[in-house]
Amino acid sequence: MISADNAGDNTLDETYSYSLTSNLLSDGAGTLTWMAPTVCRASQNGATVTLAYGPDGAQVKKSWDFATLSRSQCRD
């Protein structure tokens, strides 16, 4: 677990947790579930997004309740 203290303003403090393989699991606001080394499900406030990554680590697919995007559409 890693924490960031924002100079006395505790409303801005952040806490991150990671798996043994260095995958982010929580950023204090949402959670990430790694279903495979290249597939992650992110959840926050009842909304869930599933992200898939290629062998080069680039995002290749993004799926949520409203749509599924392919690699060329995933660039944020």
PDB file of N, CA and C in Angstrom:
ATOM      1  N   MET A   1       0.845  -1.163   0.000  1.00  0.00           N
ATOM      2  CA  MET A   1       0.000   0.000   0.000  1.00  0.00           C
ATOM      3  C   MET A   1       0.896   1.233   0.000  1.00  0.00           C
ATOM      4  N   ILE A   2       0.510   2.207  -0.777  1.00  0.00           N
ATOM      5  CA  ILE A   2       1.244   3.459  -0.872  1.00  0.00           C
ATOM      6  C   ILE A   2       0.269   4.594  -0.594  1.00  0.00           C
ATOM      7  N   SER A   3       0.691   5.561   0.208  1.00  0.00           N
ATOM      8  CA  SER A   3      -0.165   6.700   0.533  1.00  0.00           C
ATOM      9  C   SER A   3       0.518   7.994   0.145  1.00  0.00           C
ATOM     10  N   ALA A   4      -0.289   9.006  -0.164  1.00  0.00           N
ATOM     11  CA  ALA A   4       0.220  10.340  -0.462  1.00  0.00           C
ATOM     12  C   ALA A   4      -0.456  11.314   0.490  1.00  0.00           C
ATOM     13  N   ASP A   5       0.327  12.082   1.232  1.00  0.00           N
ATOM     14  CA  ASP A   5      -0.191  13.073   2.164  1.00  0.00           C
ATOM     15  C   ASP A   5      -0.061  14.444   1.517  1.00  0.00           C
ATOM     16  N   ASN A   6      -1.169  15.132   1.388  1.00  0.00           N
ATOM     17  CA  ASN A   6      -1.196  16.432   0.703  1.00  0.00           C
ATOM     18  C   ASN A   6      -1.114  17.597   1.672  1.00  0.00           C
ATOM     19  N   ALA A   7      -0.010  17.711   2.358  1.00  0.00           N
ATOM     20  CA  ALA A   7       0.342  18.876   3.174  1.00  0.00           C
ATOM     21  C   ALA A   7      -0.762  19.350   4.111  1.00  0.00           C
ATOM     22  N   GLY A   8      -1.304  18.431   4.900  1.00  0.00           N
ATOM     23  CA  GLY A   8      -2.274  18.826   5.910  1.00  0.00           C
ATOM     24  C   GLY A   8      -3.716  18.848   5.467  1.00  0.00           C
ATOM     25  N   ASP A   9      -3.998  18.836   4.166  1.00  0.00           N
ATOM     26  CA  ASP A   9      -5.377  18.813   3.683  1.00  0.00           C
ATOM     27  C   ASP A   9      -5.768  17.349   3.491  1.00  0.00           C
ATOM     28  N   ASN A  10      -6.326  16.733   4.535  1.00  0.00           N
ATOM     29  CA  ASN A  10      -6.635  15.305   4.500  1.00  0.00           C
ATOM     30  C   ASN A  10      -7.703  14.934   3.485  1.00  0.00           C
ATOM     31  N   THR A  11      -8.478  15.891   2.988  1.00  0.00           N
ATOM     32  CA  THR A  11      -9.482  15.570   1.979  1.00  0.00           C
ATOM     33  C   THR A  11      -8.826  15.200   0.654  1.00  0.00           C
ATOM     34  N   LEU A  12      -7.552  15.551   0.477  1.00  0.00           N
ATOM     35  CA  LEU A  12      -6.845  15.254  -0.769  1.00  0.00           C
ATOM     36  C   LEU A  12      -5.921  14.050  -0.654  1.00  0.00           C
ATOM     37  N   ASP A  13      -5.813  13.452   0.541  1.00  0.00           N
ATOM     38  CA  ASP A  13      -4.936  12.290   0.712  1.00  0.00           C
ATOM     39  C   ASP A  13      -5.386  11.148  -0.174  1.00  0.00           C
ATOM     40  N   GLU A  14      -4.429  10.394  -0.679  1.00  0.00           N
ATOM     41  CA  GLU A  14      -4.714   9.269  -1.571  1.00  0.00           C
ATOM     42  C   GLU A  14      -4.008   8.022  -1.064  1.00  0.00           C
ATOM     43  N   THR A  15      -4.656   6.887  -1.212  1.00  0.00           N
ATOM     44  CA  THR A  15      -4.056   5.611  -0.837  1.00  0.00           C
ATOM     45  C   THR A  15      -4.213   4.646  -1.996  1.00  0.00           C
ATOM     46  N   TYR A  16      -3.121   4.049  -2.405  1.00  0.00           N
ATOM     47  CA  TYR A  16      -3.113   3.098  -3.509  1.00  0.00           C
ATOM     48  C   TYR A  16      -2.697   1.739  -2.990  1.00  0.00           C
ATOM     49  N   SER A  17      -3.299   0.678  -3.522  1.00  0.00           N
ATOM     50  CA  SER A  17      -2.850  -0.666  -3.174  1.00  0.00           C
ATOM     51  C   SER A  17      -2.558  -1.437  -4.453  1.00  0.00           C
ATOM     52  N   TYR A  18      -1.566  -2.309  -4.366  1.00  0.00           N
ATOM     53  CA  TYR A  18      -1.077  -3.060  -5.523  1.00  0.00           C
ATOM     54  C   TYR A  18      -1.023  -4.551  -5.208  1.00  0.00           C
ATOM     55  N   SER A  19      -1.113  -5.371  -6.245  1.00  0.00           N
ATOM     56  CA  SER A  19      -0.976  -6.815  -6.089  1.00  0.00           C
ATOM     57  C   SER A  19       0.506  -7.172  -5.970  1.00  0.00           C
ATOM     58  N   LEU A  20       0.785  -8.431  -5.695  1.00  0.00           N
ATOM     59  CA  LEU A  20       2.172  -8.898  -5.612  1.00  0.00           C
ATOM     60  C   LEU A  20       2.885  -8.799  -6.954  1.00  0.00           C
ATOM     61  N   THR A  21       2.118  -8.718  -8.045  1.00  0.00           N
ATOM     62  CA  THR A  21       2.711  -8.585  -9.383  1.00  0.00           C
ATOM     63  C   THR A  21       2.693  -7.137  -9.871  1.00  0.00           C
ATOM     64  N   SER A  22       2.514  -6.204  -8.945  1.00  0.00           N
ATOM     65  CA  SER A  22       2.568  -4.757  -9.210  1.00  0.00           C
ATOM     66  C   SER A  22       1.387  -4.200  -9.990  1.00  0.00           C
ATOM     67  N   ASN A  23       0.270  -4.908 -10.046  1.00  0.00           N
ATOM     68  CA  ASN A  23      -0.931  -4.373 -10.678  1.00  0.00           C
ATOM     69  C   ASN A  23      -1.690  -3.524  -9.668  1.00  0.00           C
ATOM     70  N   LEU A  24      -2.151  -2.346 -10.087  1.00  0.00           N
ATOM     71  CA  LEU A  24      -2.945  -1.479  -9.234  1.00  0.00           C
ATOM     72  C   LEU A  24      -4.265  -2.173  -8.900  1.00  0.00           C
ATOM     73  N   LEU A  25      -4.627  -2.210  -7.606  1.00  0.00           N
ATOM     74  CA  LEU A  25      -5.878  -2.821  -7.166  1.00  0.00           C
ATOM     75  C   LEU A  25      -6.898  -1.791  -6.712  1.00  0.00           C
ATOM     76  N   SER A  26      -6.426  -0.686  -6.140  1.00  0.00           N
ATOM     77  CA  SER A  26      -7.341   0.347  -5.650  1.00  0.00           C
ATOM     78  C   SER A  26      -6.619   1.695  -5.634  1.00  0.00           C
ATOM     79  N   ASP A  27      -7.370   2.747  -5.972  1.00  0.00           N
ATOM     80  CA  ASP A  27      -6.804   4.089  -5.904  1.00  0.00           C
ATOM     81  C   ASP A  27      -7.496   4.922  -4.827  1.00  0.00           C
ATOM     82  N   GLY A  28      -8.220   4.254  -3.944  1.00  0.00           N
ATOM     83  CA  GLY A  28      -8.944   4.944  -2.889  1.00  0.00           C
ATOM     84  C   GLY A  28     -10.355   5.339  -3.292  1.00  0.00           C
ATOM     85  N   ALA A  29     -10.613   5.477  -4.589  1.00  0.00           N
ATOM     86  CA  ALA A  29     -11.942   5.838  -5.076  1.00  0.00           C
ATOM     87  C   ALA A  29     -12.618   4.670  -5.778  1.00  0.00           C
ATOM     88  N   GLY A  30     -11.841   3.859  -6.464  1.00  0.00           N
ATOM     89  CA  GLY A  30     -12.373   2.728  -7.214  1.00  0.00           C
ATOM     90  C   GLY A  30     -11.497   1.507  -7.028  1.00  0.00           C
ATOM     91  N   THR A  31     -11.978   0.375  -7.526  1.00  0.00           N
ATOM     92  CA  THR A  31     -11.209  -0.861  -7.422  1.00  0.00           C
ATOM     93  C   THR A  31     -10.953  -1.446  -8.802  1.00  0.00           C
ATOM     94  N   LEU A  32      -9.856  -2.169  -8.913  1.00  0.00           N
ATOM     95  CA  LEU A  32      -9.502  -2.863 -10.147  1.00  0.00           C
ATOM     96  C   LEU A  32      -9.393  -4.344  -9.846  1.00  0.00           C
ATOM     97  N   THR A  33      -9.994  -5.174 -10.687  1.00  0.00           N
ATOM     98  CA  THR A  33      -9.909  -6.618 -10.550  1.00  0.00           C
ATOM     99  C   THR A  33      -9.222  -7.157 -11.784  1.00  0.00           C
ATOM    100  N   TRP A  34      -8.076  -7.809 -11.605  1.00  0.00           N
ATOM    101  CA  TRP A  34      -7.330  -8.377 -12.727  1.00  0.00           C
ATOM    102  C   TRP A  34      -7.803  -9.803 -12.933  1.00  0.00           C
ATOM    103  N   MET A  35      -8.539 -10.053 -14.027  1.00  0.00           N
ATOM    104  CA  MET A  35      -9.123 -11.351 -14.312  1.00  0.00           C
ATOM    105  C   MET A  35      -8.145 -12.244 -15.058  1.00  0.00           C
ATOM    106  N   ALA A  36      -7.125 -11.663 -15.639  1.00  0.00           N
ATOM    107  CA  ALA A  36      -6.039 -12.345 -16.342  1.00  0.00           C
ATOM    108  C   ALA A  36      -4.917 -11.325 -16.429  1.00  0.00           C
ATOM    109  N   PRO A  37      -3.708 -11.728 -16.795  1.00  0.00           N
ATOM    110  CA  PRO A  37      -2.627 -10.741 -16.871  1.00  0.00           C
ATOM    111  C   PRO A  37      -2.913  -9.575 -17.819  1.00  0.00           C
ATOM    112  N   THR A  38      -3.818  -9.779 -18.773  1.00  0.00           N
ATOM    113  CA  THR A  38      -4.087  -8.726 -19.754  1.00  0.00           C
ATOM    114  C   THR A  38      -5.533  -8.230 -19.746  1.00  0.00           C
ATOM    115  N   VAL A  39      -6.325  -8.610 -18.739  1.00  0.00           N
ATOM    116  CA  VAL A  39      -7.726  -8.178 -18.666  1.00  0.00           C
ATOM    117  C   VAL A  39      -8.002  -7.623 -17.271  1.00  0.00           C
ATOM    118  N   CYS A  40      -8.501  -6.396 -17.228  1.00  0.00           N
ATOM    119  CA  CYS A  40      -8.759  -5.711 -15.964  1.00  0.00           C
ATOM    120  C   CYS A  40     -10.187  -5.189 -15.950  1.00  0.00           C
ATOM    121  N   ARG A  41     -10.846  -5.312 -14.798  1.00  0.00           N
ATOM    122  CA  ARG A  41     -12.176  -4.745 -14.619  1.00  0.00           C
ATOM    123  C   ARG A  41     -12.075  -3.634 -13.578  1.00  0.00           C
ATOM    124  N   ALA A  42     -12.455  -2.430 -13.965  1.00  0.00           N
ATOM    125  CA  ALA A  42     -12.403  -1.265 -13.084  1.00  0.00           C
ATOM    126  C   ALA A  42     -13.814  -0.910 -12.640  1.00  0.00           C
ATOM    127  N   SER A  43     -13.998  -0.692 -11.317  1.00  0.00           N
ATOM    128  CA  SER A  43     -15.323  -0.367 -10.781  1.00  0.00           C
ATOM    129  C   SER A  43     -15.246   0.856  -9.895  1.00  0.00           C
ATOM    130  N   GLN A  44     -16.230   1.743 -10.064  1.00  0.00           N
ATOM    131  CA  GLN A  44     -16.339   2.915  -9.210  1.00  0.00           C
ATOM    132  C   GLN A  44     -17.771   3.400  -9.245  1.00  0.00           C
ATOM    133  N   ASN A  45     -18.333   3.668  -8.078  1.00  0.00           N
ATOM    134  CA  ASN A  45     -19.694   4.191  -7.948  1.00  0.00           C
ATOM    135  C   ASN A  45     -20.718   3.360  -8.719  1.00  0.00           C
ATOM    136  N   GLY A  46     -20.574   2.046  -8.711  1.00  0.00           N
ATOM    137  CA  GLY A  46     -21.525   1.161  -9.367  1.00  0.00           C
ATOM    138  C   GLY A  46     -21.323   0.971 -10.854  1.00  0.00           C
ATOM    139  N   ALA A  47     -20.405   1.687 -11.454  1.00  0.00           N
ATOM    140  CA  ALA A  47     -20.116   1.547 -12.886  1.00  0.00           C
ATOM    141  C   ALA A  47     -18.885   0.663 -13.060  1.00  0.00           C
ATOM    142  N   THR A  48     -18.900  -0.176 -14.100  1.00  0.00           N
ATOM    143  CA  THR A  48     -17.787  -1.087 -14.354  1.00  0.00           C
ATOM    144  C   THR A  48     -17.331  -0.961 -15.795  1.00  0.00           C
ATOM    145  N   VAL A  49     -16.016  -0.934 -15.985  1.00  0.00           N
ATOM    146  CA  VAL A  49     -15.394  -0.905 -17.305  1.00  0.00           C
ATOM    147  C   VAL A  49     -14.408  -2.068 -17.358  1.00  0.00           C
ATOM    148  N   THR A  50     -14.415  -2.817 -18.454  1.00  0.00           N
ATOM    149  CA  THR A  50     -13.449  -3.897 -18.645  1.00  0.00           C
ATOM    150  C   THR A  50     -12.455  -3.468 -19.712  1.00  0.00           C
ATOM    151  N   LEU A  51     -11.173  -3.590 -19.387  1.00  0.00           N
ATOM    152  CA  LEU A  51     -10.096  -3.198 -20.281  1.00  0.00           C
ATOM    153  C   LEU A  51      -9.263  -4.413 -20.642  1.00  0.00           C
ATOM    154  N   ALA A  52      -8.909  -4.559 -21.911  1.00  0.00           N
ATOM    155  CA  ALA A  52      -8.047  -5.651 -22.358  1.00  0.00           C
ATOM    156  C   ALA A  52      -6.800  -5.057 -22.989  1.00  0.00           C
ATOM    157  N   TYR A  53      -5.664  -5.692 -22.740  1.00  0.00           N
ATOM    158  CA  TYR A  53      -4.382  -5.202 -23.221  1.00  0.00           C
ATOM    159  C   TYR A  53      -3.705  -6.244 -24.099  1.00  0.00           C
ATOM    160  N   GLY A  54      -2.978  -5.789 -25.117  1.00  0.00           N
ATOM    161  CA  GLY A  54      -2.233  -6.677 -25.999  1.00  0.00           C
ATOM    162  C   GLY A  54      -0.887  -7.039 -25.408  1.00  0.00           C
ATOM    163  N   PRO A  55      -0.124  -7.875 -26.118  1.00  0.00           N
ATOM    164  CA  PRO A  55       1.178  -8.323 -25.608  1.00  0.00           C
ATOM    165  C   PRO A  55       2.180  -7.181 -25.427  1.00  0.00           C
ATOM    166  N   ASP A  56       1.967  -6.083 -26.115  1.00  0.00           N
ATOM    167  CA  ASP A  56       2.872  -4.934 -25.976  1.00  0.00           C
ATOM    168  C   ASP A  56       2.446  -3.992 -24.849  1.00  0.00           C
ATOM    169  N   GLY A  57       1.369  -4.329 -24.135  1.00  0.00           N
ATOM    170  CA  GLY A  57       0.888  -3.514 -23.033  1.00  0.00           C
ATOM    171  C   GLY A  57      -0.080  -2.423 -23.445  1.00  0.00           C
ATOM    172  N   ALA A  58      -0.324  -2.279 -24.736  1.00  0.00           N
ATOM    173  CA  ALA A  58      -1.255  -1.258 -25.216  1.00  0.00           C
ATOM    174  C   ALA A  58      -2.697  -1.739 -25.038  1.00  0.00           C
ATOM    175  N   GLN A  59      -3.576  -0.821 -24.702  1.00  0.00           N
ATOM    176  CA  GLN A  59      -4.987  -1.159 -24.546  1.00  0.00           C
ATOM    177  C   GLN A  59      -5.565  -1.521 -25.905  1.00  0.00           C
ATOM    178  N   VAL A  60      -6.243  -2.676 -25.995  1.00  0.00           N
ATOM    179  CA  VAL A  60      -6.806  -3.114 -27.270  1.00  0.00           C
ATOM    180  C   VAL A  60      -8.332  -3.152 -27.267  1.00  0.00           C
ATOM    181  N   LYS A  61      -8.946  -3.129 -26.081  1.00  0.00           N
ATOM    182  CA  LYS A  61     -10.405  -3.197 -26.017  1.00  0.00           C
ATOM    183  C   LYS A  61     -10.886  -2.554 -24.727  1.00  0.00           C
ATOM    184  N   LYS A  62     -12.002  -1.826 -24.826  1.00  0.00           N
ATOM    185  CA  LYS A  62     -12.628  -1.181 -23.678  1.00  0.00           C
ATOM    186  C   LYS A  62     -14.124  -1.449 -23.768  1.00  0.00           C
ATOM    187  N   SER A  63     -14.683  -2.111 -22.760  1.00  0.00           N
ATOM    188  CA  SER A  63     -16.108  -2.457 -22.776  1.00  0.00           C
ATOM    189  C   SER A  63     -16.788  -1.937 -21.510  1.00  0.00           C
ATOM    190  N   TRP A  64     -17.967  -1.393 -21.668  1.00  0.00           N
ATOM    191  CA  TRP A  64     -18.796  -0.999 -20.543  1.00  0.00           C
ATOM    192  C   TRP A  64     -20.242  -1.096 -20.972  1.00  0.00           C
ATOM    193  N   ASP A  65     -21.164  -0.713 -20.119  1.00  0.00           N
ATOM    194  CA  ASP A  65     -22.592  -0.892 -20.389  1.00  0.00           C
ATOM    195  C   ASP A  65     -23.050  -0.272 -21.698  1.00  0.00           C
ATOM    196  N   PHE A  66     -22.391   0.769 -22.148  1.00  0.00           N
ATOM    197  CA  PHE A  66     -22.866   1.505 -23.309  1.00  0.00           C
ATOM    198  C   PHE A  66     -22.226   1.110 -24.626  1.00  0.00           C
ATOM    199  N   ALA A  67     -21.015   0.532 -24.604  1.00  0.00           N
ATOM    200  CA  ALA A  67     -20.317   0.275 -25.866  1.00  0.00           C
ATOM    201  C   ALA A  67     -19.100  -0.612 -25.657  1.00  0.00           C
ATOM    202  N   THR A  68     -18.550  -1.077 -26.766  1.00  0.00           N
ATOM    203  CA  THR A  68     -17.265  -1.768 -26.795  1.00  0.00           C
ATOM    204  C   THR A  68     -16.426  -1.088 -27.859  1.00  0.00           C
ATOM    205  N   LEU A  69     -15.211  -0.683 -27.483  1.00  0.00           N
ATOM    206  CA  LEU A  69     -14.322  -0.007 -28.412  1.00  0.00           C
ATOM    207  C   LEU A  69     -13.141  -0.902 -28.758  1.00  0.00           C
ATOM    208  N   SER A  70     -12.706  -0.853 -30.015  1.00  0.00           N
ATOM    209  CA  SER A  70     -11.537  -1.622 -30.443  1.00  0.00           C
ATOM    210  C   SER A  70     -10.275  -0.805 -30.223  1.00  0.00           C
ATOM    211  N   ARG A  71      -9.114  -1.377 -30.537  1.00  0.00           N
ATOM    212  CA  ARG A  71      -7.832  -0.743 -30.265  1.00  0.00           C
ATOM    213  C   ARG A  71      -7.720   0.678 -30.809  1.00  0.00           C
ATOM    214  N   SER A  72      -8.140   0.898 -32.028  1.00  0.00           N
ATOM    215  CA  SER A  72      -7.989   2.222 -32.625  1.00  0.00           C
ATOM    216  C   SER A  72      -8.871   3.263 -31.949  1.00  0.00           C
ATOM    217  N   GLN A  73      -9.909   2.838 -31.242  1.00  0.00           N
ATOM    218  CA  GLN A  73     -10.824   3.763 -30.577  1.00  0.00           C
ATOM    219  C   GLN A  73     -10.472   3.993 -29.104  1.00  0.00           C
ATOM    220  N   CYS A  74      -9.509   3.238 -28.569  1.00  0.00           N
ATOM    221  CA  CYS A  74      -9.205   3.268 -27.140  1.00  0.00           C
ATOM    222  C   CYS A  74      -8.250   4.375 -26.727  1.00  0.00           C
ATOM    223  N   ARG A  75      -7.693   5.081 -27.632  1.00  0.00           N
ATOM    224  CA  ARG A  75      -6.720   6.112 -27.277  1.00  0.00           C
ATOM    225  C   ARG A  75      -7.400   7.278 -26.592  1.00  0.00           C
ATOM    226  N   ASP A  76      -7.137   7.428 -25.297  1.00  0.00           N
ATOM    227  CA  ASP A  76      -7.755   8.517 -24.505  1.00  0.00           C
ATOM    228  C   ASP A  76      -6.856   9.718 -24.464  1.00  0.00           C
TER     229      ASP A  76
END
